[in-house]
PDB file of all heavy atoms in Angstrom:
ATOM      1  N   THR A   1      -2.400  16.080   8.064  1.00  0.00           N
ATOM      2  CA  THR A   1      -2.400  16.939   6.883  1.00  0.00           C
ATOM      3  C   THR A   1      -1.041  16.893   6.203  1.00  0.00           C
ATOM      4  O   THR A   1      -0.024  17.084   6.844  1.00  0.00           O
ATOM      5  CB  THR A   1      -2.754  18.402   7.250  1.00  0.00           C
ATOM      6  OG1 THR A   1      -4.001  18.430   7.920  1.00  0.00           O
ATOM      7  CG2 THR A   1      -2.809  19.285   6.010  1.00  0.00           C
ATOM      8  N   GLY A   2      -1.034  16.548   4.926  1.00  0.00           N
ATOM      9  CA  GLY A   2       0.231  16.444   4.199  1.00  0.00           C
ATOM     10  C   GLY A   2       0.818  15.065   4.185  1.00  0.00           C
ATOM     11  O   GLY A   2       1.767  14.762   3.448  1.00  0.00           O
ATOM     12  N   GLU A   3       0.263  14.159   5.025  1.00  0.00           N
ATOM     13  CA  GLU A   3       0.717  12.780   5.012  1.00  0.00           C
ATOM     14  C   GLU A   3       0.074  12.031   3.809  1.00  0.00           C
ATOM     15  O   GLU A   3      -0.924  12.496   3.259  1.00  0.00           O
ATOM     16  CB  GLU A   3       0.319  12.056   6.289  1.00  0.00           C
ATOM     17  CG  GLU A   3       0.915  12.660   7.557  1.00  0.00           C
ATOM     18  CD  GLU A   3       2.354  12.264   7.798  1.00  0.00           C
ATOM     19  OE1 GLU A   3       2.940  11.515   6.977  1.00  0.00           O
ATOM     20  OE2 GLU A   3       2.948  12.736   8.819  1.00  0.00           O
ATOM     21  N   SER A   4       0.608  10.895   3.465  1.00  0.00           N
ATOM     22  CA  SER A   4       0.026  10.114   2.381  1.00  0.00           C
ATOM     23  C   SER A   4      -1.262   9.404   2.791  1.00  0.00           C
ATOM     24  O   SER A   4      -2.077   9.056   1.947  1.00  0.00           O
ATOM     25  CB  SER A   4       1.049   9.075   1.871  1.00  0.00           C
ATOM     26  OG  SER A   4       1.355   8.140   2.910  1.00  0.00           O
ATOM     27  N   PHE A   5      -1.422   9.189   4.098  1.00  0.00           N
ATOM     28  CA  PHE A   5      -2.588   8.468   4.603  1.00  0.00           C
ATOM     29  C   PHE A   5      -3.565   9.454   5.311  1.00  0.00           C
ATOM     30  O   PHE A   5      -3.242  10.633   5.530  1.00  0.00           O
ATOM     31  CB  PHE A   5      -2.144   7.420   5.661  1.00  0.00           C
ATOM     32  CG  PHE A   5      -1.390   8.011   6.826  1.00  0.00           C
ATOM     33  CD1 PHE A   5      -2.069   8.387   7.973  1.00  0.00           C
ATOM     34  CD2 PHE A   5      -0.009   8.156   6.792  1.00  0.00           C
ATOM     35  CE1 PHE A   5      -1.405   8.937   9.062  1.00  0.00           C
ATOM     36  CE2 PHE A   5       0.675   8.709   7.841  1.00  0.00           C
ATOM     37  CZ  PHE A   5      -0.017   9.092   8.999  1.00  0.00           C
ATOM     38  N   LYS A   6      -4.780   8.936   5.566  1.00  0.00           N
ATOM     39  CA  LYS A   6      -5.796   9.760   6.198  1.00  0.00           C
ATOM     40  C   LYS A   6      -6.227   9.099   7.520  1.00  0.00           C
ATOM     41  O   LYS A   6      -6.063   7.895   7.695  1.00  0.00           O
ATOM     42  CB  LYS A   6      -7.022   9.920   5.278  1.00  0.00           C
ATOM     43  CG  LYS A   6      -6.687  10.468   3.913  1.00  0.00           C
ATOM     44  CD  LYS A   6      -7.899  10.409   2.987  1.00  0.00           C
ATOM     45  CE  LYS A   6      -7.565  10.910   1.613  1.00  0.00           C
ATOM     46  NZ  LYS A   6      -6.640   9.995   0.879  1.00  0.00           N
ATOM     47  N   VAL A   7      -6.749   9.904   8.408  1.00  0.00           N
ATOM     48  CA  VAL A   7      -7.319   9.390   9.664  1.00  0.00           C
ATOM     49  C   VAL A   7      -8.845   9.360   9.526  1.00  0.00           C
ATOM     50  O   VAL A   7      -9.436  10.339   9.076  1.00  0.00           O
ATOM     51  CB  VAL A   7      -6.923  10.265  10.888  1.00  0.00           C
ATOM     52  CG1 VAL A   7      -7.678   9.833  12.122  1.00  0.00           C
ATOM     53  CG2 VAL A   7      -5.392  10.148  11.129  1.00  0.00           C
ATOM     54  N   GLY A   8      -9.429   8.240   9.832  1.00  0.00           N
ATOM     55  CA  GLY A   8     -10.886   8.090   9.750  1.00  0.00           C
ATOM     56  C   GLY A   8     -11.417   7.325  10.944  1.00  0.00           C
ATOM     57  O   GLY A   8     -10.701   7.021  11.904  1.00  0.00           O
ATOM     58  N   ILE A   9     -12.677   6.976  10.855  1.00  0.00           N
ATOM     59  CA  ILE A   9     -13.318   6.149  11.851  1.00  0.00           C
ATOM     60  C   ILE A   9     -14.166   5.047  11.182  1.00  0.00           C
ATOM     61  O   ILE A   9     -14.854   5.354  10.231  1.00  0.00           O
ATOM     62  CB  ILE A   9     -14.219   6.965  12.824  1.00  0.00           C
ATOM     63  CG1 ILE A   9     -13.379   7.989  13.607  1.00  0.00           C
ATOM     64  CG2 ILE A   9     -14.968   6.065  13.784  1.00  0.00           C
ATOM     65  CD1 ILE A   9     -14.133   8.782  14.622  1.00  0.00           C
ATOM     66  N   ALA A  10     -14.030   3.861  11.701  1.00  0.00           N
ATOM     67  CA  ALA A  10     -14.810   2.736  11.157  1.00  0.00           C
ATOM     68  C   ALA A  10     -16.221   2.797  11.684  1.00  0.00           C
ATOM     69  O   ALA A  10     -16.456   3.019  12.905  1.00  0.00           O
ATOM     70  CB  ALA A  10     -14.176   1.382  11.559  1.00  0.00           C
ATOM     71  N   GLY A  11     -17.218   2.620  10.816  1.00  0.00           N
ATOM     72  CA  GLY A  11     -18.592   2.751  11.229  1.00  0.00           C
ATOM     73  C   GLY A  11     -19.012   1.872  12.370  1.00  0.00           C
ATOM     74  O   GLY A  11     -19.880   2.220  13.138  1.00  0.00           O
ATOM     75  N   PHE A  12     -18.371   0.703  12.490  1.00  0.00           N
ATOM     76  CA  PHE A  12     -18.739  -0.230  13.572  1.00  0.00           C
ATOM     77  C   PHE A  12     -18.605   0.425  14.956  1.00  0.00           C
ATOM     78  O   PHE A  12     -19.280   0.024  15.928  1.00  0.00           O
ATOM     79  CB  PHE A  12     -17.898  -1.484  13.495  1.00  0.00           C
ATOM     80  CG  PHE A  12     -18.289  -2.513  14.527  1.00  0.00           C
ATOM     81  CD1 PHE A  12     -19.463  -3.225  14.446  1.00  0.00           C
ATOM     82  CD2 PHE A  12     -17.431  -2.780  15.607  1.00  0.00           C
ATOM     83  CE1 PHE A  12     -19.828  -4.152  15.436  1.00  0.00           C
ATOM     84  CE2 PHE A  12     -17.773  -3.699  16.573  1.00  0.00           C
ATOM     85  CZ  PHE A  12     -18.954  -4.413  16.481  1.00  0.00           C
ATOM     86  N   THR A  13     -17.712   1.413  15.044  1.00  0.00           N
ATOM     87  CA  THR A  13     -17.566   2.134  16.331  1.00  0.00           C
ATOM     88  C   THR A  13     -18.873   2.665  16.844  1.00  0.00           C
ATOM     89  O   THR A  13     -19.082   2.758  18.077  1.00  0.00           O
ATOM     90  CB  THR A  13     -16.585   3.307  16.057  1.00  0.00           C
ATOM     91  OG1 THR A  13     -15.303   2.795  15.667  1.00  0.00           O
ATOM     92  CG2 THR A  13     -16.393   4.167  17.312  1.00  0.00           C
ATOM     93  N   PHE A  14     -19.799   2.997  15.919  1.00  0.00           N
ATOM     94  CA  PHE A  14     -21.087   3.592  16.267  1.00  0.00           C
ATOM     95  C   PHE A  14     -22.237   2.599  16.174  1.00  0.00           C
ATOM     96  O   PHE A  14     -23.335   2.959  15.838  1.00  0.00           O
ATOM     97  CB  PHE A  14     -21.324   4.804  15.433  1.00  0.00           C
ATOM     98  CG  PHE A  14     -20.249   5.837  15.490  1.00  0.00           C
ATOM     99  CD1 PHE A  14     -19.350   5.997  14.435  1.00  0.00           C
ATOM    100  CD2 PHE A  14     -20.111   6.653  16.620  1.00  0.00           C
ATOM    101  CE1 PHE A  14     -18.350   6.932  14.506  1.00  0.00           C
ATOM    102  CE2 PHE A  14     -19.112   7.597  16.669  1.00  0.00           C
ATOM    103  CZ  PHE A  14     -18.216   7.759  15.602  1.00  0.00           C
ATOM    104  N   ALA A  15     -21.944   1.325  16.474  1.00  0.00           N
ATOM    105  CA  ALA A  15     -22.972   0.294  16.296  1.00  0.00           C
ATOM    106  C   ALA A  15     -24.223   0.534  17.082  1.00  0.00           C
ATOM    107  O   ALA A  15     -25.309   0.097  16.725  1.00  0.00           O
ATOM    108  CB  ALA A  15     -22.363  -1.072  16.686  1.00  0.00           C
ATOM    109  N   LYS A  16     -24.137   1.280  18.183  1.00  0.00           N
ATOM    110  CA  LYS A  16     -25.295   1.518  19.027  1.00  0.00           C
ATOM    111  C   LYS A  16     -25.872   2.960  18.885  1.00  0.00           C
ATOM    112  O   LYS A  16     -26.649   3.368  19.719  1.00  0.00           O
ATOM    113  CB  LYS A  16     -24.956   1.248  20.479  1.00  0.00           C
ATOM    114  CG  LYS A  16     -24.565  -0.224  20.694  1.00  0.00           C
ATOM    115  CD  LYS A  16     -24.388  -0.548  22.166  1.00  0.00           C
ATOM    116  CE  LYS A  16     -24.037  -2.031  22.326  1.00  0.00           C
ATOM    117  NZ  LYS A  16     -23.928  -2.442  23.729  1.00  0.00           N
ATOM    118  N   PHE A  17     -25.411   3.648  17.835  1.00  0.00           N
ATOM    119  CA  PHE A  17     -25.838   5.053  17.647  1.00  0.00           C
ATOM    120  C   PHE A  17     -26.239   5.286  16.218  1.00  0.00           C
ATOM    121  O   PHE A  17     -25.715   4.647  15.278  1.00  0.00           O
ATOM    122  CB  PHE A  17     -24.721   6.002  18.098  1.00  0.00           C
ATOM    123  CG  PHE A  17     -24.372   5.843  19.535  1.00  0.00           C
ATOM    124  CD1 PHE A  17     -23.369   4.951  19.955  1.00  0.00           C
ATOM    125  CD2 PHE A  17     -25.059   6.551  20.514  1.00  0.00           C
ATOM    126  CE1 PHE A  17     -23.060   4.795  21.294  1.00  0.00           C
ATOM    127  CE2 PHE A  17     -24.763   6.410  21.856  1.00  0.00           C
ATOM    128  CZ  PHE A  17     -23.781   5.496  22.241  1.00  0.00           C
ATOM    129  N   ASP A  18     -27.064   6.271  16.002  1.00  0.00           N
ATOM    130  CA  ASP A  18     -27.523   6.605  14.631  1.00  0.00           C
ATOM    131  C   ASP A  18     -26.484   7.463  13.903  1.00  0.00           C
ATOM    132  O   ASP A  18     -25.468   7.835  14.500  1.00  0.00           O
ATOM    133  CB  ASP A  18     -28.884   7.274  14.640  1.00  0.00           C
ATOM    134  CG  ASP A  18     -28.905   8.618  15.380  1.00  0.00           C
ATOM    135  OD1 ASP A  18     -27.831   9.192  15.596  1.00  0.00           O
ATOM    136  OD2 ASP A  18     -30.003   9.079  15.728  1.00  0.00           O
ATOM    137  N   LEU A  19     -26.742   7.696  12.658  1.00  0.00           N
ATOM    138  CA  LEU A  19     -25.805   8.436  11.817  1.00  0.00           C
ATOM    139  C   LEU A  19     -25.581   9.836  12.349  1.00  0.00           C
ATOM    140  O   LEU A  19     -24.433  10.353  12.309  1.00  0.00           O
ATOM    141  CB  LEU A  19     -26.306   8.484  10.357  1.00  0.00           C
ATOM    142  CG  LEU A  19     -25.399   9.229   9.379  1.00  0.00           C
ATOM    143  CD1 LEU A  19     -24.027   8.575   9.258  1.00  0.00           C
ATOM    144  CD2 LEU A  19     -26.070   9.313   8.020  1.00  0.00           C
ATOM    145  N   ASP A  20     -26.621  10.476  12.789  1.00  0.00           N
ATOM    146  CA  ASP A  20     -26.471  11.862  13.309  1.00  0.00           C
ATOM    147  C   ASP A  20     -25.478  11.921  14.447  1.00  0.00           C
ATOM    148  O   ASP A  20     -24.628  12.828  14.504  1.00  0.00           O
ATOM    149  CB  ASP A  20     -27.845  12.400  13.746  1.00  0.00           C
ATOM    150  CG  ASP A  20     -28.772  12.707  12.585  1.00  0.00           C
ATOM    151  OD1 ASP A  20     -28.271  12.901  11.481  1.00  0.00           O
ATOM    152  OD2 ASP A  20     -29.993  12.705  12.779  1.00  0.00           O
ATOM    153  N   LYS A  21     -25.569  10.975  15.371  1.00  0.00           N
ATOM    154  CA  LYS A  21     -24.602  10.973  16.488  1.00  0.00           C
ATOM    155  C   LYS A  21     -23.182  10.643  15.973  1.00  0.00           C
ATOM    156  O   LYS A  21     -22.212  11.207  16.515  1.00  0.00           O
ATOM    157  CB  LYS A  21     -25.041   9.951  17.540  1.00  0.00           C
ATOM    158  CG  LYS A  21     -24.240  10.001  18.827  1.00  0.00           C
ATOM    159  CD  LYS A  21     -24.395  11.323  19.516  1.00  0.00           C
ATOM    160  CE  LYS A  21     -23.699  11.361  20.858  1.00  0.00           C
ATOM    161  NZ  LYS A  21     -23.816  12.668  21.543  1.00  0.00           N
ATOM    162  N   ALA A  22     -23.078   9.765  15.028  1.00  0.00           N
ATOM    163  CA  ALA A  22     -21.764   9.453  14.492  1.00  0.00           C
ATOM    164  C   ALA A  22     -21.145  10.667  13.861  1.00  0.00           C
ATOM    165  O   ALA A  22     -19.961  11.013  14.101  1.00  0.00           O
ATOM    166  CB  ALA A  22     -21.875   8.369  13.429  1.00  0.00           C
ATOM    167  N   LEU A  23     -21.906  11.404  13.065  1.00  0.00           N
ATOM    168  CA  LEU A  23     -21.406  12.617  12.410  1.00  0.00           C
ATOM    169  C   LEU A  23     -21.079  13.720  13.405  1.00  0.00           C
ATOM    170  O   LEU A  23     -20.081  14.427  13.246  1.00  0.00           O
ATOM    171  CB  LEU A  23     -22.395  13.120  11.330  1.00  0.00           C
ATOM    172  CG  LEU A  23     -22.586  12.165  10.171  1.00  0.00           C
ATOM    173  CD1 LEU A  23     -23.679  12.697   9.258  1.00  0.00           C
ATOM    174  CD2 LEU A  23     -21.282  11.980   9.398  1.00  0.00           C
ATOM    175  N   GLU A  24     -21.872  13.824  14.440  1.00  0.00           N
ATOM    176  CA  GLU A  24     -21.596  14.806  15.501  1.00  0.00           C
ATOM    177  C   GLU A  24     -20.239  14.508  16.168  1.00  0.00           C
ATOM    178  O   GLU A  24     -19.467  15.391  16.460  1.00  0.00           O
ATOM    179  CB  GLU A  24     -22.700  14.728  16.561  1.00  0.00           C
ATOM    180  CG  GLU A  24     -22.486  15.617  17.771  1.00  0.00           C
ATOM    181  CD  GLU A  24     -23.534  15.377  18.865  1.00  0.00           C
ATOM    182  OE1 GLU A  24     -24.723  15.176  18.471  1.00  0.00           O
ATOM    183  OE2 GLU A  24     -23.178  15.359  20.033  1.00  0.00           O
ATOM    184  N   THR A  25     -19.974  13.204  16.351  1.00  0.00           N
ATOM    185  CA  THR A  25     -18.724  12.796  16.971  1.00  0.00           C
ATOM    186  C   THR A  25     -17.526  13.038  16.030  1.00  0.00           C
ATOM    187  O   THR A  25     -16.503  13.540  16.483  1.00  0.00           O
ATOM    188  CB  THR A  25     -18.778  11.313  17.353  1.00  0.00           C
ATOM    189  OG1 THR A  25     -19.929  11.094  18.180  1.00  0.00           O
ATOM    190  CG2 THR A  25     -17.528  10.905  18.116  1.00  0.00           C
ATOM    191  N   LEU A  26     -17.700  12.713  14.745  1.00  0.00           N
ATOM    192  CA  LEU A  26     -16.607  12.994  13.810  1.00  0.00           C
ATOM    193  C   LEU A  26     -16.244  14.482  13.779  1.00  0.00           C
ATOM    194  O   LEU A  26     -15.111  14.839  13.736  1.00  0.00           O
ATOM    195  CB  LEU A  26     -16.995  12.517  12.404  1.00  0.00           C
ATOM    196  CG  LEU A  26     -16.499  11.091  12.022  1.00  0.00           C
ATOM    197  CD1 LEU A  26     -17.278  10.042  12.799  1.00  0.00           C
ATOM    198  CD2 LEU A  26     -16.632  10.858  10.548  1.00  0.00           C
ATOM    199  N   LYS A  27     -17.293  15.308  13.790  1.00  0.00           N
ATOM    200  CA  LYS A  27     -17.080  16.760  13.824  1.00  0.00           C
ATOM    201  C   LYS A  27     -16.342  17.205  15.022  1.00  0.00           C
ATOM    202  O   LYS A  27     -15.377  18.016  15.003  1.00  0.00           O
ATOM    203  CB  LYS A  27     -18.424  17.496  13.694  1.00  0.00           C
ATOM    204  CG  LYS A  27     -18.261  19.018  13.580  1.00  0.00           C
ATOM    205  CD  LYS A  27     -19.621  19.650  13.368  1.00  0.00           C
ATOM    206  CE  LYS A  27     -19.485  21.193  13.205  1.00  0.00           C
ATOM    207  NZ  LYS A  27     -20.798  21.835  12.977  1.00  0.00           N
ATOM    208  N   ALA A  28     -16.680  16.637  16.207  1.00  0.00           N
ATOM    209  CA  ALA A  28     -16.070  17.019  17.461  1.00  0.00           C
ATOM    210  C   ALA A  28     -14.562  16.693  17.472  1.00  0.00           C
ATOM    211  O   ALA A  28     -13.798  17.407  18.089  1.00  0.00           O
ATOM    212  CB  ALA A  28     -16.749  16.320  18.621  1.00  0.00           C
ATOM    213  N   VAL A  29     -14.161  15.586  16.790  1.00  0.00           N
ATOM    214  CA  VAL A  29     -12.761  15.205  16.793  1.00  0.00           C
ATOM    215  C   VAL A  29     -12.058  15.552  15.491  1.00  0.00           C
ATOM    216  O   VAL A  29     -10.907  15.158  15.261  1.00  0.00           O
ATOM    217  CB  VAL A  29     -12.582  13.655  17.108  1.00  0.00           C
ATOM    218  CG1 VAL A  29     -12.998  13.389  18.505  1.00  0.00           C
ATOM    219  CG2 VAL A  29     -13.351  12.815  16.108  1.00  0.00           C
ATOM    220  N   ASP A  30     -12.754  16.332  14.637  1.00  0.00           N
ATOM    221  CA  ASP A  30     -12.177  16.824  13.372  1.00  0.00           C
ATOM    222  C   ASP A  30     -11.683  15.694  12.475  1.00  0.00           C
ATOM    223  O   ASP A  30     -10.610  15.739  11.915  1.00  0.00           O
ATOM    224  CB  ASP A  30     -11.031  17.794  13.704  1.00  0.00           C
ATOM    225  CG  ASP A  30     -10.703  18.705  12.473  1.00  0.00           C
ATOM    226  OD1 ASP A  30     -11.530  18.805  11.558  1.00  0.00           O
ATOM    227  OD2 ASP A  30      -9.611  19.296  12.482  1.00  0.00           O
ATOM    228  N   VAL A  31     -12.514  14.670  12.335  1.00  0.00           N
ATOM    229  CA  VAL A  31     -12.241  13.529  11.456  1.00  0.00           C
ATOM    230  C   VAL A  31     -13.244  13.590  10.318  1.00  0.00           C
ATOM    231  O   VAL A  31     -14.411  13.863  10.500  1.00  0.00           O
ATOM    232  CB  VAL A  31     -12.315  12.202  12.177  1.00  0.00           C
ATOM    233  CG1 VAL A  31     -12.279  11.011  11.234  1.00  0.00           C
ATOM    234  CG2 VAL A  31     -11.192  12.063  13.199  1.00  0.00           C
ATOM    235  N   HIS A  32     -12.755  13.301   9.082  1.00  0.00           N
ATOM    236  CA  HIS A  32     -13.594  13.519   7.895  1.00  0.00           C
ATOM    237  C   HIS A  32     -13.767  12.331   7.006  1.00  0.00           C
ATOM    238  O   HIS A  32     -14.243  12.445   5.858  1.00  0.00           O
ATOM    239  CB  HIS A  32     -12.966  14.671   7.127  1.00  0.00           C
ATOM    240  CG  HIS A  32     -12.840  15.944   7.894  1.00  0.00           C
ATOM    241  ND1 HIS A  32     -13.884  16.835   8.097  1.00  0.00           N
ATOM    242  CD2 HIS A  32     -11.778  16.436   8.632  1.00  0.00           C
ATOM    243  CE1 HIS A  32     -13.486  17.828   8.878  1.00  0.00           C
ATOM    244  NE2 HIS A  32     -12.201  17.577   9.238  1.00  0.00           N
ATOM    245  N   TYR A  33     -13.414  11.121   7.495  1.00  0.00           N
ATOM    246  CA  TYR A  33     -13.503   9.914   6.691  1.00  0.00           C
ATOM    247  C   TYR A  33     -14.235   8.817   7.528  1.00  0.00           C
ATOM    248  O   TYR A  33     -13.865   8.576   8.652  1.00  0.00           O
ATOM    249  CB  TYR A  33     -12.158   9.420   6.226  1.00  0.00           C
ATOM    250  CG  TYR A  33     -11.511  10.397   5.269  1.00  0.00           C
ATOM    251  CD1 TYR A  33     -10.701  11.419   5.747  1.00  0.00           C
ATOM    252  CD2 TYR A  33     -11.784  10.362   3.903  1.00  0.00           C
ATOM    253  CE1 TYR A  33     -10.130  12.338   4.879  1.00  0.00           C
ATOM    254  CE2 TYR A  33     -11.192  11.274   3.041  1.00  0.00           C
ATOM    255  CZ  TYR A  33     -10.389  12.278   3.538  1.00  0.00           C
ATOM    256  OH  TYR A  33      -9.848  13.170   2.698  1.00  0.00           O
ATOM    257  N   LEU A  34     -15.262   8.219   6.913  1.00  0.00           N
ATOM    258  CA  LEU A  34     -16.075   7.232   7.586  1.00  0.00           C
ATOM    259  C   LEU A  34     -16.230   6.001   6.723  1.00  0.00           C
ATOM    260  O   LEU A  34     -16.608   6.128   5.543  1.00  0.00           O
ATOM    261  CB  LEU A  34     -17.439   7.807   7.899  1.00  0.00           C
ATOM    262  CG  LEU A  34     -18.468   6.850   8.573  1.00  0.00           C
ATOM    263  CD1 LEU A  34     -18.074   6.471   9.975  1.00  0.00           C
ATOM    264  CD2 LEU A  34     -19.875   7.488   8.537  1.00  0.00           C
ATOM    265  N   CYS A  35     -15.931   4.816   7.280  1.00  0.00           N
ATOM    266  CA  CYS A  35     -16.262   3.585   6.587  1.00  0.00           C
ATOM    267  C   CYS A  35     -17.698   3.272   6.902  1.00  0.00           C
ATOM    268  O   CYS A  35     -18.132   3.178   8.074  1.00  0.00           O
ATOM    269  CB  CYS A  35     -15.327   2.444   7.046  1.00  0.00           C
ATOM    270  SG  CYS A  35     -15.542   0.914   6.067  1.00  0.00           S
ATOM    271  N   ILE A  36     -18.560   3.098   5.855  1.00  0.00           N
ATOM    272  CA  ILE A  36     -19.992   3.000   6.016  1.00  0.00           C
ATOM    273  C   ILE A  36     -20.421   1.598   6.396  1.00  0.00           C
ATOM    274  O   ILE A  36     -20.131   0.612   5.710  1.00  0.00           O
ATOM    275  CB  ILE A  36     -20.658   3.406   4.668  1.00  0.00           C
ATOM    276  CG1 ILE A  36     -20.235   4.811   4.271  1.00  0.00           C
ATOM    277  CG2 ILE A  36     -22.187   3.276   4.773  1.00  0.00           C
ATOM    278  CD1 ILE A  36     -20.595   5.162   2.828  1.00  0.00           C
TER     279      ILE A  36
END
C-alpha cells in the first residue's frame, strides 16, 4: 500500500483449479490483482 507497484497473482498459478478456487485463494492472501 502506497508503493508505485501492486502485488498480484498470475492466472497460470491456478491452471488446475476453477475461477472460484482462484478467487477464494486471492481473498485468503489479501491479493486483489489477477492476470486472466
